[in-house]
Structures are given as structure tokens and as C-alpha cells.
Amino acid sequence: MKKIYLAAAALAGALMSAGATHGAETDVAPANLDSAHPLPDGSLEDVKNRFRQLALAANRHDAAAIEKMFWDSPSALLVAKSVDPAEGSWAGFWGSESVARKLRDIYAAGTLTLFPDWAKLKVVGISSTVAQTYAPMKIAISYGGQDPSPRPFIMIIQWLNLDGQWKIASEIILPVPSP
């Protein structure tokens, strides 16, 4: 956590010392050669493997394993189906404890099986410590009165590399409407 704050402070200092940008009206910003691909292929493969571990743990209903994959922070986020009318039908659950509680509730409800479309899984580097996965899939889930037959969803996950380990900072599960 301390490294993140130090990196943010260093970035803020660099931006403040850079001064005004000349020629900003051209919409062309100087970029270093690595800006389009800030993570090496090995790191992207590590994130892909973490996603596979997540899918396997979800299909085993191993809430404890998934809880450990989440960033231990009040800023951790899970967006999922809600059964509380005050929250609406889908809601954000913020913080490690809220995420853990939500996962346990989902698994206690019964059916949950993920069927990722592995050929369409996309992993990209956002920075040297942030990656994102985009995973179209079908999910069979009975939580919140849902019909447990597999339906299309998209799962978008932001990953943080903390002390050499990829953690889930946010997991957003979106239902794909029928055409």
C-alpha cells in the first residue's frame, strides 16, 4: 500500500513540475514506446492465469479462495445482482468485508456456474501495476430469484499488482440483454 502512495506522489510531483504543455491544441501527446503495452507478455499471462483460478474457484463455490483474490481495501468493488430493493436490482458492494459477505450470500443461494468464452478473454495492461480482463461468458445462477439456466454476461475485472501478486480491485458483472 505504501508503494502505491509513493508512486502516486511521484507522479503528482512530475506532473506539477512539467509546467504548461506547449502545443496542446494538436491533440498529439508525446508517448514513450512502452505506453501502448505497459506490461510484458509474462505479466499478462499471469493475469490470465489468475482469471482462470477465479473461474475455477467460483465453480467450486470456494468463497474463501475468491475473497483472498480481492484487494484488501475499502476501495475493493464488486458489482453484482442485489436482492435488496433499496439498492436496485444491481448494486456496487464496496470494501473487502462487503465483497466477502456478498460472495457468501451468492454461494449460499445455490446454483452458480461460470462458462467463460476462453477464446474471447482479453487481458490488457493499463500501467505497470494495473491490468484489466474482459470476459464474455454464460453464467448459471439462482441468486435473487434468477432462472438458473445459463445466460450471457460480461465480467470486467481491474487487477492491481501488489507486492508481486495480482489482486482484484474491481469486478463488474454485467448481464447482456437479449436481442
Protein backbone atom coordinates (compact mmCIF):
# COMPACT_ATOMS: atom_id res chain seq x y z
CA MET A 1 0.00 0.00 0.00
CA LYS A 2 2.88 2.33 0.87
CA LYS A 3 4.35 1.77 -2.62
CA ILE A 4 1.10 2.91 -4.24
CA TYR A 5 1.10 6.17 -2.26
CA LEU A 6 4.77 6.78 -3.09
CA ALA A 7 4.13 6.13 -6.79
CA ALA A 8 1.10 8.48 -6.76
CA ALA A 9 3.14 11.20 -5.02
CA ALA A 10 5.98 10.81 -7.53
CA LEU A 11 3.54 11.04 -10.43
CA ALA A 12 1.87 14.13 -8.97
CA GLY A 13 5.27 15.77 -8.47
CA ALA A 14 6.33 15.01 -12.02
CA LEU A 15 3.10 16.44 -13.41
CA MET A 16 3.37 19.61 -11.34
CA SER A 17 6.99 20.19 -12.31
CA ALA A 18 6.27 19.66 -16.02
CA GLY A 19 4.53 23.02 -16.27
CA ALA A 20 2.27 24.06 -19.13
CA THR A 21 2.18 21.86 -22.19
CA HIS A 22 3.18 23.60 -25.39
CA GLY A 23 1.17 22.71 -28.48
CA ALA A 24 -1.65 21.02 -26.56
CA GLU A 25 -4.07 22.09 -29.25
CA THR A 26 -2.61 19.47 -31.62
CA ASP A 27 -4.17 16.54 -29.69
CA VAL A 28 -0.86 14.72 -30.08
CA ALA A 29 0.88 13.90 -26.84
CA PRO A 30 4.39 12.58 -26.66
CA ALA A 31 4.38 8.90 -25.74
CA ASN A 32 7.13 6.59 -24.73
CA LEU A 33 7.47 3.43 -26.76
CA ASP A 34 6.07 1.27 -23.95
CA SER A 35 2.92 3.32 -23.29
CA ALA A 36 0.74 1.18 -25.57
CA HIS A 37 1.93 -2.04 -23.90
CA PRO A 38 2.96 -1.24 -20.31
CA LEU A 39 3.06 -4.90 -19.19
CA PRO A 40 5.31 -7.65 -20.54
CA ASP A 41 3.66 -10.75 -22.01
CA GLY A 42 4.62 -12.77 -18.91
CA SER A 43 2.63 -10.42 -16.67
CA LEU A 44 -0.37 -10.59 -18.99
CA GLU A 45 -0.18 -14.38 -18.84
CA ASP A 46 -0.03 -14.19 -15.02
CA VAL A 47 -3.26 -12.15 -15.02
CA LYS A 48 -4.89 -14.62 -17.41
CA ASN A 49 -3.92 -17.45 -15.04
CA ARG A 50 -5.38 -15.54 -12.07
CA PHE A 51 -8.62 -15.18 -14.02
CA ARG A 52 -8.64 -18.95 -14.65
CA GLN A 53 -8.10 -19.53 -10.91
CA LEU A 54 -11.02 -17.19 -10.20
CA ALA A 55 -13.35 -19.07 -12.56
CA LEU A 56 -12.36 -22.44 -11.08
CA ALA A 57 -12.84 -21.20 -7.51
CA ALA A 58 -16.23 -19.72 -8.42
CA ASN A 59 -17.38 -23.02 -9.92
CA ARG A 60 -16.25 -24.82 -6.74
CA HIS A 61 -18.17 -22.22 -4.68
CA ASP A 62 -14.90 -21.52 -2.86
CA ALA A 63 -15.75 -18.10 -1.43
CA ALA A 64 -12.67 -18.12 0.83
CA ALA A 65 -10.31 -18.55 -2.15
CA ILE A 66 -12.04 -15.74 -4.06
CA GLU A 67 -12.02 -13.44 -1.03
CA LYS A 68 -8.23 -13.85 -0.89
CA MET A 69 -8.00 -12.84 -4.55
CA PHE A 70 -9.61 -9.46 -3.81
CA TRP A 71 -7.63 -6.40 -2.79
CA ASP A 72 -7.91 -5.96 0.99
CA SER A 73 -9.13 -2.38 0.83
CA PRO A 74 -12.24 -0.28 1.45
CA SER A 75 -11.93 0.60 -2.25
CA ALA A 76 -12.36 -3.00 -3.47
CA LEU A 77 -15.55 -3.24 -5.55
CA LEU A 78 -17.91 -5.99 -6.65
CA VAL A 79 -20.87 -5.07 -8.87
CA ALA A 80 -23.46 -7.83 -8.80
CA LYS A 81 -27.16 -8.69 -8.54
CA SER A 82 -28.83 -7.35 -5.42
CA VAL A 83 -31.82 -8.76 -3.53
CA ASP A 84 -32.30 -5.55 -1.53
CA PRO A 85 -34.98 -3.38 -3.23
CA ALA A 86 -33.36 -0.26 -1.74
CA GLU A 87 -30.18 -0.98 -3.77
CA GLY A 88 -31.97 -1.65 -7.05
CA SER A 89 -31.60 -4.90 -8.93
CA TRP A 90 -27.80 -4.47 -9.39
CA ALA A 91 -25.51 -2.71 -6.96
CA GLY A 92 -21.93 -1.96 -6.02
CA PHE A 93 -20.52 -3.61 -2.91
CA TRP A 94 -17.56 -1.62 -1.60
CA GLY A 95 -14.80 -2.84 0.68
CA SER A 96 -13.33 -6.24 1.46
CA GLU A 97 -15.91 -7.13 4.10
CA SER A 98 -18.88 -6.17 1.93
CA VAL A 99 -17.44 -8.12 -1.03
CA ALA A 100 -16.85 -11.20 1.15
CA ARG A 101 -20.38 -11.03 2.56
CA LYS A 102 -21.87 -10.70 -0.92
CA LEU A 103 -19.89 -13.67 -2.24
CA ARG A 104 -21.03 -15.85 0.68
CA ASP A 105 -24.67 -14.83 0.06
CA ILE A 106 -24.42 -15.70 -3.63
CA TYR A 107 -22.92 -19.13 -2.95
CA ALA A 108 -25.42 -19.89 -0.19
CA ALA A 109 -28.28 -19.34 -2.67
CA GLY A 110 -27.38 -22.43 -4.70
CA THR A 111 -26.56 -22.64 -8.37
CA LEU A 112 -23.59 -20.68 -9.68
CA THR A 113 -21.54 -21.88 -12.62
CA LEU A 114 -19.37 -19.74 -14.89
CA PHE A 115 -18.86 -20.71 -18.53
CA PRO A 116 -16.21 -18.27 -19.81
CA ASP A 117 -15.70 -17.96 -23.55
CA TRP A 118 -11.96 -18.56 -23.26
CA ALA A 119 -11.34 -17.63 -26.91
CA LYS A 120 -12.74 -14.13 -26.25
CA LEU A 121 -10.98 -13.49 -22.93
CA LYS A 122 -8.95 -10.30 -23.32
CA VAL A 123 -6.20 -9.17 -20.95
CA VAL A 124 -4.62 -5.72 -21.31
CA GLY A 125 -2.09 -3.75 -19.33
CA ILE A 126 -3.22 -0.33 -18.15
CA SER A 127 0.04 0.53 -16.37
CA SER A 128 2.97 -1.36 -14.89
CA THR A 129 0.80 -2.34 -11.89
CA VAL A 130 -2.75 -2.37 -13.32
CA ALA A 131 -4.33 -4.81 -15.76
CA GLN A 132 -7.85 -5.43 -16.98
CA THR A 133 -9.66 -8.57 -18.09
CA TYR A 134 -12.73 -8.57 -20.30
CA ALA A 135 -14.51 -11.92 -20.29
CA PRO A 136 -17.72 -12.71 -22.13
CA MET A 137 -19.34 -15.74 -20.53
CA LYS A 138 -22.53 -17.52 -19.67
CA ILE A 139 -23.47 -17.77 -16.03
CA ALA A 140 -25.97 -20.14 -14.48
CA ILE A 141 -27.09 -18.58 -11.20
CA SER A 142 -30.15 -18.88 -8.99
CA TYR A 143 -29.30 -15.98 -6.64
CA GLY A 144 -32.03 -13.38 -6.18
CA GLY A 145 -34.69 -15.48 -7.88
CA GLN A 146 -32.84 -15.68 -11.20
CA ASP A 147 -33.59 -18.52 -13.58
CA PRO A 148 -30.56 -20.83 -13.20
CA SER A 149 -30.25 -21.57 -16.92
CA PRO A 150 -27.02 -20.17 -18.41
CA ARG A 151 -27.38 -16.60 -19.68
CA PRO A 152 -24.88 -14.20 -21.26
CA PHE A 153 -22.85 -11.84 -19.07
CA ILE A 154 -19.68 -9.81 -19.38
CA MET A 155 -17.20 -9.80 -16.50
CA ILE A 156 -14.76 -6.90 -16.37
CA ILE A 157 -12.03 -7.03 -13.74
CA GLN A 158 -9.40 -4.45 -12.79
CA TRP A 159 -6.32 -6.13 -11.30
CA LEU A 160 -3.65 -4.50 -9.12
CA ASN A 161 -0.16 -5.91 -8.75
CA LEU A 162 0.59 -5.60 -5.04
CA ASP A 163 3.92 -6.95 -3.86
CA GLY A 164 4.17 -9.17 -6.94
CA GLN A 165 0.67 -10.65 -6.63
CA TRP A 166 -2.29 -9.75 -8.85
CA LYS A 167 -5.36 -8.80 -6.77
CA ILE A 168 -8.89 -7.94 -7.89
CA ALA A 169 -9.54 -4.24 -7.33
CA SER A 170 -12.95 -4.29 -9.02
CA GLU A 171 -15.12 -6.97 -10.56
CA ILE A 172 -18.09 -5.81 -12.59
CA ILE A 173 -20.55 -8.43 -13.77
CA LEU A 174 -22.97 -7.14 -16.39
CA PRO A 175 -25.94 -9.07 -17.78
CA VAL A 176 -26.15 -8.94 -21.57
CA PRO A 177 -29.72 -8.14 -22.64
CA SER A 178 -31.45 -10.43 -25.10
CA PRO A 179 -31.63 -9.01 -28.62
